[in-house]
Amino acid sequence: MHSRETDTILIWDLLVRVFHWALAVFFLLAYSLAGSRLSLHVHVGYTVGLLVLFRIIWGVIGSDSARFANFLVTPQKSLRYLLEMVSGSSVHFLGHNPAGAAMIVALLSCLLATTLSGIALFALEGSGPLANTFVATWPGGLLANVHDLAADICLVLVILHVFGVFISSVFNKENLIKSMITGKKKIRSELS
């Protein structure tokens, strides 16, 4: 079976696209500021947290392609999709493919852990929304380790995400980066 591209369709709404690129910029900025400009790192980290919170809310009430209910799958389906893609027999998805869906869950979870542990660390210094709460009694060394590890895992996931976008673009013959800029993907019709 061969596929031929016909028309394009808007898949990613403007809010998803702005969120995606803003998150990329602010995460990399927060990561690069760690250990040097703490005040700026904290403010950029809060921005990352607000972006993640927005995406979670938009994943429940947003457009069809943004809603988690429309693309979340089991880890087995994600793995099966990857194997099918490499073998050349994967199905084309207009929205998130199963591997992309798994990456969204992993990234949002990791970013949430990074943000929350950062807010908890800030509380130890008597600042932020959790200052003067029970969080301020937590062991600082443990929180710092959790925060650093979560941030490092996020960076690895970002690298895997970029690699996955490149590989998926090559194997599926579609420009996913362009799709995340324009919001549009090409509709394919299957030919026997």
N, C-alpha and C. Protein backbone atom coordinates (compact mmCIF):
# COMPACT_ATOMS: atom_id res chain seq x y z
N MET A 1 0.83 -1.17 0.00
CA MET A 1 0.00 0.00 0.00
C MET A 1 0.88 1.24 0.00
N HIS A 2 0.56 2.18 -0.84
CA HIS A 2 1.29 3.45 -0.90
C HIS A 2 0.38 4.56 -0.42
N SER A 3 0.98 5.61 0.02
CA SER A 3 0.16 6.75 0.43
C SER A 3 0.51 7.95 -0.43
N ARG A 4 -0.47 8.76 -0.66
CA ARG A 4 -0.25 9.98 -1.42
C ARG A 4 -0.84 11.13 -0.62
N GLU A 5 -0.10 12.22 -0.58
CA GLU A 5 -0.56 13.38 0.17
C GLU A 5 -1.55 14.17 -0.67
N THR A 6 -2.61 14.59 -0.08
CA THR A 6 -3.61 15.37 -0.80
C THR A 6 -3.70 16.76 -0.20
N ASP A 7 -4.61 17.00 0.68
CA ASP A 7 -4.83 18.32 1.27
C ASP A 7 -4.19 18.41 2.64
N THR A 8 -4.19 19.63 3.17
CA THR A 8 -3.73 19.82 4.54
C THR A 8 -4.93 20.15 5.41
N ILE A 9 -4.77 19.89 6.68
CA ILE A 9 -5.83 20.16 7.66
C ILE A 9 -5.18 20.73 8.91
N LEU A 10 -5.87 21.67 9.54
CA LEU A 10 -5.36 22.25 10.79
C LEU A 10 -5.55 21.23 11.91
N ILE A 11 -4.46 20.82 12.51
CA ILE A 11 -4.49 19.83 13.60
C ILE A 11 -4.18 20.50 14.93
N TRP A 12 -3.07 21.23 14.98
CA TRP A 12 -2.63 21.83 16.24
C TRP A 12 -3.14 23.25 16.33
N ASP A 13 -3.98 23.51 17.32
CA ASP A 13 -4.51 24.86 17.50
C ASP A 13 -3.40 25.81 17.95
N LEU A 14 -3.68 27.09 17.85
CA LEU A 14 -2.68 28.11 18.18
C LEU A 14 -2.17 27.98 19.61
N LEU A 15 -3.05 27.67 20.55
CA LEU A 15 -2.63 27.56 21.95
C LEU A 15 -1.65 26.40 22.15
N VAL A 16 -1.87 25.28 21.49
CA VAL A 16 -0.95 24.14 21.59
C VAL A 16 0.42 24.52 21.02
N ARG A 17 0.41 25.21 19.89
CA ARG A 17 1.68 25.58 19.26
C ARG A 17 2.45 26.61 20.08
N VAL A 18 1.76 27.63 20.57
CA VAL A 18 2.43 28.64 21.40
C VAL A 18 2.95 27.98 22.68
N PHE A 19 2.12 27.12 23.29
CA PHE A 19 2.56 26.40 24.49
C PHE A 19 3.83 25.61 24.20
N HIS A 20 3.82 24.84 23.11
CA HIS A 20 4.95 23.97 22.78
C HIS A 20 6.25 24.74 22.68
N TRP A 21 6.24 25.81 21.88
CA TRP A 21 7.48 26.55 21.67
C TRP A 21 7.87 27.37 22.90
N ALA A 22 6.88 27.90 23.61
CA ALA A 22 7.18 28.64 24.85
C ALA A 22 7.79 27.70 25.88
N LEU A 23 7.24 26.50 26.01
CA LEU A 23 7.78 25.54 26.96
C LEU A 23 9.21 25.17 26.60
N ALA A 24 9.47 24.95 25.31
CA ALA A 24 10.83 24.61 24.88
C ALA A 24 11.81 25.72 25.28
N VAL A 25 11.45 26.95 25.01
CA VAL A 25 12.33 28.08 25.32
C VAL A 25 12.51 28.23 26.83
N PHE A 26 11.41 28.22 27.58
CA PHE A 26 11.51 28.47 29.02
C PHE A 26 12.16 27.31 29.76
N PHE A 27 11.94 26.06 29.33
CA PHE A 27 12.63 24.96 30.00
C PHE A 27 14.14 25.07 29.78
N LEU A 28 14.55 25.27 28.53
CA LEU A 28 15.99 25.37 28.24
C LEU A 28 16.61 26.57 28.95
N LEU A 29 15.87 27.65 29.05
CA LEU A 29 16.37 28.82 29.78
C LEU A 29 16.51 28.51 31.27
N ALA A 30 15.50 27.90 31.86
CA ALA A 30 15.57 27.54 33.29
C ALA A 30 16.72 26.58 33.53
N TYR A 31 16.88 25.60 32.65
CA TYR A 31 17.95 24.61 32.82
C TYR A 31 19.31 25.29 32.74
N SER A 32 19.47 26.20 31.79
CA SER A 32 20.77 26.86 31.61
C SER A 32 21.08 27.84 32.75
N LEU A 33 20.05 28.34 33.43
CA LEU A 33 20.26 29.29 34.53
C LEU A 33 20.49 28.61 35.88
N ALA A 34 20.28 27.32 35.95
CA ALA A 34 20.42 26.60 37.22
C ALA A 34 21.82 26.79 37.78
N GLY A 35 21.88 27.15 39.05
CA GLY A 35 23.17 27.28 39.72
C GLY A 35 23.85 28.61 39.50
N SER A 36 23.31 29.47 38.63
CA SER A 36 24.00 30.74 38.40
C SER A 36 23.14 31.94 38.80
N ARG A 37 22.03 32.13 38.17
CA ARG A 37 21.17 33.29 38.45
C ARG A 37 19.88 32.79 39.07
N LEU A 38 19.93 32.53 40.37
CA LEU A 38 18.83 31.87 41.07
C LEU A 38 17.50 32.61 40.94
N SER A 39 17.51 33.92 41.10
CA SER A 39 16.26 34.67 41.04
C SER A 39 15.60 34.52 39.68
N LEU A 40 16.37 34.66 38.63
CA LEU A 40 15.83 34.50 37.27
C LEU A 40 15.42 33.05 37.02
N HIS A 41 16.23 32.11 37.51
CA HIS A 41 15.91 30.68 37.38
C HIS A 41 14.55 30.39 38.01
N VAL A 42 14.31 30.94 39.19
CA VAL A 42 13.04 30.71 39.89
C VAL A 42 11.87 31.27 39.09
N HIS A 43 12.00 32.48 38.59
CA HIS A 43 10.90 33.09 37.83
C HIS A 43 10.64 32.34 36.53
N VAL A 44 11.69 31.94 35.86
CA VAL A 44 11.51 31.15 34.63
C VAL A 44 10.91 29.79 34.98
N GLY A 45 11.33 29.22 36.10
CA GLY A 45 10.76 27.94 36.55
C GLY A 45 9.27 28.05 36.84
N TYR A 46 8.85 29.16 37.46
CA TYR A 46 7.42 29.39 37.68
C TYR A 46 6.68 29.44 36.35
N THR A 47 7.29 30.06 35.36
CA THR A 47 6.68 30.13 34.03
C THR A 47 6.51 28.74 33.45
N VAL A 48 7.53 27.90 33.60
CA VAL A 48 7.42 26.50 33.14
C VAL A 48 6.25 25.82 33.86
N GLY A 49 6.16 26.02 35.17
CA GLY A 49 5.07 25.42 35.94
C GLY A 49 3.70 25.88 35.46
N LEU A 50 3.57 27.17 35.18
CA LEU A 50 2.29 27.70 34.68
C LEU A 50 1.97 27.14 33.30
N LEU A 51 2.99 26.99 32.47
CA LEU A 51 2.77 26.39 31.14
C LEU A 51 2.30 24.94 31.27
N VAL A 52 2.92 24.18 32.16
CA VAL A 52 2.52 22.79 32.37
C VAL A 52 1.08 22.74 32.90
N LEU A 53 0.77 23.60 33.85
CA LEU A 53 -0.60 23.66 34.37
C LEU A 53 -1.60 23.99 33.26
N PHE A 54 -1.25 24.97 32.42
CA PHE A 54 -2.11 25.30 31.28
C PHE A 54 -2.32 24.08 30.40
N ARG A 55 -1.23 23.35 30.09
CA ARG A 55 -1.36 22.21 29.16
C ARG A 55 -2.21 21.10 29.75
N ILE A 56 -2.12 20.90 31.05
CA ILE A 56 -2.96 19.90 31.70
C ILE A 56 -4.43 20.31 31.59
N ILE A 57 -4.71 21.56 31.85
CA ILE A 57 -6.10 22.04 31.72
C ILE A 57 -6.55 21.96 30.27
N TRP A 58 -5.71 22.41 29.33
CA TRP A 58 -6.06 22.37 27.91
C TRP A 58 -6.19 20.93 27.42
N GLY A 59 -5.49 20.02 28.04
CA GLY A 59 -5.61 18.60 27.70
C GLY A 59 -6.95 18.00 28.10
N VAL A 60 -7.68 18.71 28.95
CA VAL A 60 -9.02 18.26 29.37
C VAL A 60 -10.11 19.01 28.61
N ILE A 61 -9.94 20.32 28.43
CA ILE A 61 -11.02 21.12 27.85
C ILE A 61 -10.70 21.67 26.47
N GLY A 62 -9.52 21.44 25.95
CA GLY A 62 -9.08 22.06 24.70
C GLY A 62 -9.65 21.45 23.44
N SER A 63 -9.01 21.79 22.34
CA SER A 63 -9.42 21.30 21.03
C SER A 63 -9.26 19.78 20.96
N ASP A 64 -9.86 19.17 19.96
CA ASP A 64 -9.85 17.70 19.85
C ASP A 64 -8.43 17.12 19.88
N SER A 65 -7.52 17.68 19.09
CA SER A 65 -6.17 17.12 19.04
C SER A 65 -5.36 17.39 20.31
N ALA A 66 -5.81 18.35 21.12
CA ALA A 66 -5.11 18.68 22.37
C ALA A 66 -5.58 17.82 23.54
N ARG A 67 -6.76 17.26 23.44
CA ARG A 67 -7.34 16.52 24.57
C ARG A 67 -6.65 15.18 24.78
N PHE A 68 -6.25 14.95 26.02
CA PHE A 68 -5.60 13.69 26.38
C PHE A 68 -6.47 12.49 26.03
N ALA A 69 -7.75 12.60 26.23
CA ALA A 69 -8.66 11.48 25.98
C ALA A 69 -8.62 11.03 24.52
N ASN A 70 -8.18 11.89 23.62
CA ASN A 70 -8.17 11.56 22.20
C ASN A 70 -6.86 10.96 21.70
N PHE A 71 -5.83 10.91 22.55
CA PHE A 71 -4.59 10.35 22.04
C PHE A 71 -3.80 9.48 23.02
N LEU A 72 -4.18 9.42 24.26
CA LEU A 72 -3.42 8.60 25.21
C LEU A 72 -3.63 7.12 24.93
N VAL A 73 -2.55 6.38 24.97
CA VAL A 73 -2.58 4.94 24.72
C VAL A 73 -1.71 4.22 25.75
N THR A 74 -1.76 2.92 25.73
CA THR A 74 -0.94 2.12 26.65
C THR A 74 0.52 2.13 26.20
N PRO A 75 1.44 1.86 27.11
CA PRO A 75 2.85 1.76 26.72
C PRO A 75 3.07 0.68 25.65
N GLN A 76 2.30 -0.39 25.70
CA GLN A 76 2.43 -1.45 24.71
C GLN A 76 2.11 -0.93 23.31
N LYS A 77 1.08 -0.11 23.19
CA LYS A 77 0.73 0.45 21.87
C LYS A 77 1.81 1.40 21.38
N SER A 78 2.42 2.14 22.30
CA SER A 78 3.50 3.04 21.91
C SER A 78 4.69 2.25 21.39
N LEU A 79 5.05 1.19 22.08
CA LEU A 79 6.17 0.35 21.65
C LEU A 79 5.85 -0.32 20.32
N ARG A 80 4.64 -0.83 20.18
CA ARG A 80 4.23 -1.47 18.92
C ARG A 80 4.32 -0.47 17.77
N TYR A 81 3.89 0.75 18.02
CA TYR A 81 3.96 1.78 16.98
C TYR A 81 5.41 2.01 16.55
N LEU A 82 6.32 2.12 17.52
CA LEU A 82 7.74 2.34 17.19
C LEU A 82 8.29 1.20 16.34
N LEU A 83 7.96 -0.03 16.71
CA LEU A 83 8.43 -1.18 15.93
C LEU A 83 7.84 -1.17 14.52
N GLU A 84 6.56 -0.84 14.41
CA GLU A 84 5.92 -0.76 13.09
C GLU A 84 6.52 0.37 12.25
N MET A 85 6.83 1.49 12.88
CA MET A 85 7.40 2.61 12.16
C MET A 85 8.76 2.24 11.57
N VAL A 86 9.59 1.61 12.39
CA VAL A 86 10.92 1.21 11.93
C VAL A 86 10.83 0.18 10.81
N SER A 87 9.81 -0.69 10.87
CA SER A 87 9.66 -1.71 9.83
C SER A 87 8.93 -1.17 8.60
N GLY A 88 8.46 0.08 8.66
CA GLY A 88 7.80 0.68 7.52
C GLY A 88 6.32 0.37 7.40
N SER A 89 5.74 -0.18 8.44
CA SER A 89 4.32 -0.57 8.35
C SER A 89 3.43 0.19 9.34
N SER A 90 3.90 1.35 9.80
CA SER A 90 3.10 2.09 10.78
C SER A 90 1.96 2.83 10.09
N VAL A 91 0.93 3.06 10.86
CA VAL A 91 -0.22 3.82 10.40
C VAL A 91 0.09 5.30 10.58
N HIS A 92 -0.39 6.13 9.67
CA HIS A 92 -0.20 7.57 9.77
C HIS A 92 -1.24 8.16 10.72
N PHE A 93 -0.81 9.02 11.61
CA PHE A 93 -1.71 9.68 12.56
C PHE A 93 -1.75 11.17 12.24
N LEU A 94 -2.93 11.72 12.19
CA LEU A 94 -3.03 13.17 12.00
C LEU A 94 -2.60 13.91 13.26
N GLY A 95 -3.03 13.42 14.41
CA GLY A 95 -2.63 14.02 15.68
C GLY A 95 -1.39 13.34 16.21
N HIS A 96 -1.31 13.21 17.52
CA HIS A 96 -0.17 12.55 18.14
C HIS A 96 -0.17 11.07 17.81
N ASN A 97 1.00 10.56 17.42
CA ASN A 97 1.11 9.11 17.27
C ASN A 97 1.33 8.53 18.67
N PRO A 98 1.22 7.21 18.83
CA PRO A 98 1.34 6.62 20.17
C PRO A 98 2.67 6.93 20.88
N ALA A 99 3.76 7.00 20.13
CA ALA A 99 5.05 7.33 20.76
C ALA A 99 5.06 8.78 21.22
N GLY A 100 4.49 9.66 20.42
CA GLY A 100 4.39 11.07 20.80
C GLY A 100 3.51 11.26 22.02
N ALA A 101 2.44 10.48 22.09
CA ALA A 101 1.54 10.54 23.25
C ALA A 101 2.27 10.14 24.52
N ALA A 102 3.07 9.08 24.43
CA ALA A 102 3.84 8.63 25.59
C ALA A 102 4.85 9.70 26.01
N MET A 103 5.45 10.36 25.03
CA MET A 103 6.43 11.40 25.34
C MET A 103 5.76 12.59 26.03
N ILE A 104 4.55 12.93 25.60
CA ILE A 104 3.83 14.04 26.25
C ILE A 104 3.61 13.74 27.72
N VAL A 105 3.15 12.53 28.00
CA VAL A 105 2.91 12.14 29.40
C VAL A 105 4.21 12.18 30.19
N ALA A 106 5.27 11.63 29.62
CA ALA A 106 6.56 11.59 30.31
C ALA A 106 7.09 13.01 30.56
N LEU A 107 7.05 13.85 29.54
CA LEU A 107 7.56 15.21 29.70
C LEU A 107 6.74 16.03 30.69
N LEU A 108 5.42 15.98 30.57
CA LEU A 108 4.59 16.76 31.50
C LEU A 108 4.77 16.27 32.93
N SER A 109 4.87 14.96 33.12
CA SER A 109 5.08 14.41 34.47
C SER A 109 6.42 14.85 35.04
N CYS A 110 7.44 14.75 34.22
CA CYS A 110 8.78 15.12 34.67
C CYS A 110 8.88 16.63 34.94
N LEU A 111 8.29 17.42 34.06
CA LEU A 111 8.30 18.87 34.26
C LEU A 111 7.52 19.26 35.51
N LEU A 112 6.43 18.55 35.78
CA LEU A 112 5.66 18.81 36.99
C LEU A 112 6.49 18.48 38.23
N ALA A 113 7.20 17.35 38.20
CA ALA A 113 8.06 16.97 39.32
C ALA A 113 9.18 17.99 39.52
N THR A 114 9.75 18.45 38.42
CA THR A 114 10.82 19.45 38.50
C THR A 114 10.30 20.75 39.09
N THR A 115 9.16 21.20 38.60
CA THR A 115 8.58 22.46 39.07
C THR A 115 8.19 22.38 40.54
N LEU A 116 7.49 21.32 40.91
CA LEU A 116 7.03 21.20 42.31
C LEU A 116 8.21 21.07 43.28
N SER A 117 9.23 20.31 42.88
CA SER A 117 10.39 20.20 43.77
C SER A 117 11.14 21.53 43.85
N GLY A 118 11.14 22.29 42.76
CA GLY A 118 11.75 23.62 42.79
C GLY A 118 11.00 24.58 43.70
N ILE A 119 9.67 24.53 43.63
CA ILE A 119 8.85 25.38 44.52
C ILE A 119 9.09 24.98 45.98
N ALA A 120 9.20 23.68 46.23
CA ALA A 120 9.46 23.21 47.59
C ALA A 120 10.84 23.67 48.07
N LEU A 121 11.83 23.63 47.19
CA LEU A 121 13.17 24.12 47.55
C LEU A 121 13.13 25.61 47.90
N PHE A 122 12.39 26.35 47.12
CA PHE A 122 12.28 27.79 47.36
C PHE A 122 11.61 28.05 48.71
N ALA A 123 10.68 27.18 49.10
CA ALA A 123 9.99 27.31 50.39
C ALA A 123 10.97 27.16 51.55
N LEU A 124 12.01 26.35 51.36
CA LEU A 124 13.02 26.18 52.41
C LEU A 124 13.74 27.49 52.72
N GLU A 125 13.77 28.39 51.73
CA GLU A 125 14.39 29.69 51.92
C GLU A 125 13.40 30.73 52.42
N GLY A 126 12.17 30.28 52.71
CA GLY A 126 11.14 31.19 53.20
C GLY A 126 10.46 31.99 52.12
N SER A 127 10.56 31.52 50.88
CA SER A 127 9.97 32.25 49.75
C SER A 127 9.01 31.36 48.98
N GLY A 128 8.18 31.98 48.18
CA GLY A 128 7.28 31.24 47.31
C GLY A 128 5.98 30.86 47.98
N PRO A 129 5.08 30.23 47.21
CA PRO A 129 3.75 29.92 47.72
C PRO A 129 3.72 28.87 48.83
N LEU A 130 4.77 28.08 48.96
CA LEU A 130 4.80 27.04 50.00
C LEU A 130 5.62 27.44 51.22
N ALA A 131 6.10 28.69 51.23
CA ALA A 131 6.87 29.17 52.39
C ALA A 131 5.98 29.13 53.63
N ASN A 132 6.60 28.84 54.75
CA ASN A 132 5.90 28.77 56.05
C ASN A 132 4.79 27.72 56.08
N THR A 133 4.98 26.68 55.30
CA THR A 133 4.07 25.53 55.36
C THR A 133 4.89 24.32 55.78
N PHE A 134 4.25 23.18 55.90
CA PHE A 134 4.95 21.96 56.30
C PHE A 134 6.08 21.61 55.33
N VAL A 135 5.99 22.07 54.09
CA VAL A 135 7.03 21.78 53.10
C VAL A 135 8.37 22.36 53.55
N ALA A 136 8.33 23.47 54.25
CA ALA A 136 9.55 24.13 54.70
C ALA A 136 10.34 23.29 55.70
N THR A 137 9.77 22.20 56.18
CA THR A 137 10.48 21.32 57.12
C THR A 137 11.09 20.10 56.42
N TRP A 138 10.87 19.98 55.13
CA TRP A 138 11.40 18.82 54.40
C TRP A 138 12.92 18.93 54.29
N PRO A 139 13.60 17.79 54.13
CA PRO A 139 15.06 17.82 54.02
C PRO A 139 15.52 18.46 52.71
N GLY A 140 16.28 19.55 52.85
CA GLY A 140 16.73 20.31 51.69
C GLY A 140 17.59 19.53 50.73
N GLY A 141 18.49 18.71 51.27
CA GLY A 141 19.37 17.93 50.40
C GLY A 141 18.59 16.98 49.50
N LEU A 142 17.59 16.34 50.08
CA LEU A 142 16.76 15.42 49.30
C LEU A 142 15.99 16.18 48.22
N LEU A 143 15.40 17.31 48.59
CA LEU A 143 14.66 18.11 47.61
C LEU A 143 15.57 18.58 46.48
N ALA A 144 16.77 19.01 46.83
CA ALA A 144 17.71 19.47 45.80
C ALA A 144 18.07 18.33 44.86
N ASN A 145 18.29 17.13 45.42
CA ASN A 145 18.61 15.98 44.58
C ASN A 145 17.45 15.61 43.66
N VAL A 146 16.23 15.63 44.21
CA VAL A 146 15.04 15.32 43.40
C VAL A 146 14.90 16.35 42.28
N HIS A 147 15.06 17.62 42.62
CA HIS A 147 14.92 18.69 41.63
C HIS A 147 15.96 18.54 40.52
N ASP A 148 17.21 18.33 40.90
CA ASP A 148 18.28 18.19 39.91
C ASP A 148 18.08 16.96 39.03
N LEU A 149 17.72 15.84 39.67
CA LEU A 149 17.50 14.61 38.90
C LEU A 149 16.32 14.76 37.94
N ALA A 150 15.23 15.34 38.43
CA ALA A 150 14.05 15.53 37.57
C ALA A 150 14.39 16.44 36.39
N ALA A 151 15.13 17.50 36.64
CA ALA A 151 15.52 18.41 35.56
C ALA A 151 16.41 17.70 34.54
N ASP A 152 17.35 16.89 35.03
CA ASP A 152 18.22 16.14 34.12
C ASP A 152 17.43 15.12 33.30
N ILE A 153 16.46 14.46 33.92
CA ILE A 153 15.61 13.52 33.19
C ILE A 153 14.80 14.27 32.14
N CYS A 154 14.29 15.44 32.50
CA CYS A 154 13.56 16.26 31.52
C CYS A 154 14.44 16.58 30.31
N LEU A 155 15.69 16.95 30.56
CA LEU A 155 16.59 17.27 29.46
C LEU A 155 16.79 16.05 28.56
N VAL A 156 16.97 14.88 29.15
CA VAL A 156 17.11 13.65 28.37
C VAL A 156 15.84 13.41 27.55
N LEU A 157 14.68 13.61 28.16
CA LEU A 157 13.41 13.43 27.44
C LEU A 157 13.28 14.43 26.29
N VAL A 158 13.72 15.66 26.50
CA VAL A 158 13.68 16.67 25.43
C VAL A 158 14.56 16.21 24.27
N ILE A 159 15.74 15.72 24.57
CA ILE A 159 16.65 15.23 23.52
C ILE A 159 16.01 14.05 22.79
N LEU A 160 15.42 13.11 23.54
CA LEU A 160 14.73 11.98 22.91
C LEU A 160 13.55 12.46 22.07
N HIS A 161 12.84 13.47 22.55
CA HIS A 161 11.70 14.03 21.81
C HIS A 161 12.17 14.59 20.46
N VAL A 162 13.22 15.40 20.48
CA VAL A 162 13.75 15.98 19.24
C VAL A 162 14.21 14.87 18.30
N PHE A 163 14.91 13.88 18.83
CA PHE A 163 15.36 12.74 18.03
C PHE A 163 14.15 12.00 17.45
N GLY A 164 13.13 11.78 18.28
CA GLY A 164 11.93 11.08 17.83
C GLY A 164 11.20 11.84 16.74
N VAL A 165 11.13 13.16 16.86
CA VAL A 165 10.49 13.98 15.83
C VAL A 165 11.25 13.85 14.52
N PHE A 166 12.57 13.88 14.59
CA PHE A 166 13.40 13.73 13.39
C PHE A 166 13.17 12.36 12.76
N ILE A 167 13.26 11.30 13.57
CA ILE A 167 13.09 9.93 13.06
C ILE A 167 11.70 9.74 12.48
N SER A 168 10.68 10.19 13.20
CA SER A 168 9.31 10.05 12.72
C SER A 168 9.11 10.84 11.42
N SER A 169 9.70 12.02 11.33
CA SER A 169 9.59 12.81 10.11
C SER A 169 10.20 12.08 8.92
N VAL A 170 11.34 11.44 9.15
CA VAL A 170 12.01 10.70 8.07
C VAL A 170 11.21 9.45 7.70
N PHE A 171 10.87 8.63 8.69
CA PHE A 171 10.17 7.37 8.40
C PHE A 171 8.77 7.60 7.84
N ASN A 172 8.09 8.62 8.32
CA ASN A 172 6.71 8.87 7.87
C ASN A 172 6.62 9.91 6.76
N LYS A 173 7.77 10.41 6.34
CA LYS A 173 7.85 11.39 5.25
C LYS A 173 6.92 12.58 5.47
N GLU A 174 7.05 13.18 6.65
CA GLU A 174 6.29 14.39 6.97
C GLU A 174 7.15 15.30 7.82
N ASN A 175 6.95 16.58 7.68
CA ASN A 175 7.74 17.57 8.41
C ASN A 175 6.99 17.95 9.69
N LEU A 176 7.31 17.26 10.78
CA LEU A 176 6.61 17.50 12.04
C LEU A 176 6.95 18.86 12.65
N ILE A 177 8.15 19.35 12.41
CA ILE A 177 8.50 20.67 12.94
C ILE A 177 7.64 21.74 12.26
N LYS A 178 7.51 21.64 10.94
CA LYS A 178 6.65 22.58 10.21
C LYS A 178 5.21 22.48 10.71
N SER A 179 4.76 21.27 10.99
CA SER A 179 3.39 21.07 11.49
C SER A 179 3.19 21.76 12.83
N MET A 180 4.22 21.76 13.68
CA MET A 180 4.08 22.39 14.99
C MET A 180 4.23 23.91 14.89
N ILE A 181 4.66 24.40 13.75
CA ILE A 181 4.71 25.85 13.52
C ILE A 181 3.41 26.33 12.88
N THR A 182 2.98 25.64 11.83
CA THR A 182 1.78 26.05 11.09
C THR A 182 0.50 25.49 11.69
N GLY A 183 0.62 24.37 12.39
CA GLY A 183 -0.56 23.68 12.92
C GLY A 183 -1.17 22.71 11.94
N LYS A 184 -0.64 22.67 10.73
CA LYS A 184 -1.26 21.86 9.67
C LYS A 184 -0.45 20.60 9.38
N LYS A 185 -1.18 19.55 9.03
CA LYS A 185 -0.56 18.31 8.57
C LYS A 185 -1.23 17.90 7.27
N LYS A 186 -0.49 17.16 6.48
CA LYS A 186 -1.04 16.69 5.21
C LYS A 186 -1.87 15.44 5.44
N ILE A 187 -3.01 15.42 4.80
CA ILE A 187 -3.88 14.24 4.86
C ILE A 187 -3.39 13.28 3.79
N ARG A 188 -3.27 12.04 4.15
CA ARG A 188 -2.83 11.02 3.19
C ARG A 188 -4.00 10.14 2.81
N SER A 189 -4.05 9.80 1.56
CA SER A 189 -5.01 8.79 1.13
C SER A 189 -4.22 7.55 0.78
N GLU A 190 -4.68 6.42 1.26
CA GLU A 190 -3.97 5.16 1.04
C GLU A 190 -4.33 4.59 -0.32
N LEU A 191 -3.32 4.18 -1.06
CA LEU A 191 -3.51 3.58 -2.38
C LEU A 191 -3.06 2.13 -2.33
N SER A 192 -3.81 1.25 -2.95
CA SER A 192 -3.43 -0.17 -2.97
C SER A 192 -2.44 -0.42 -4.07
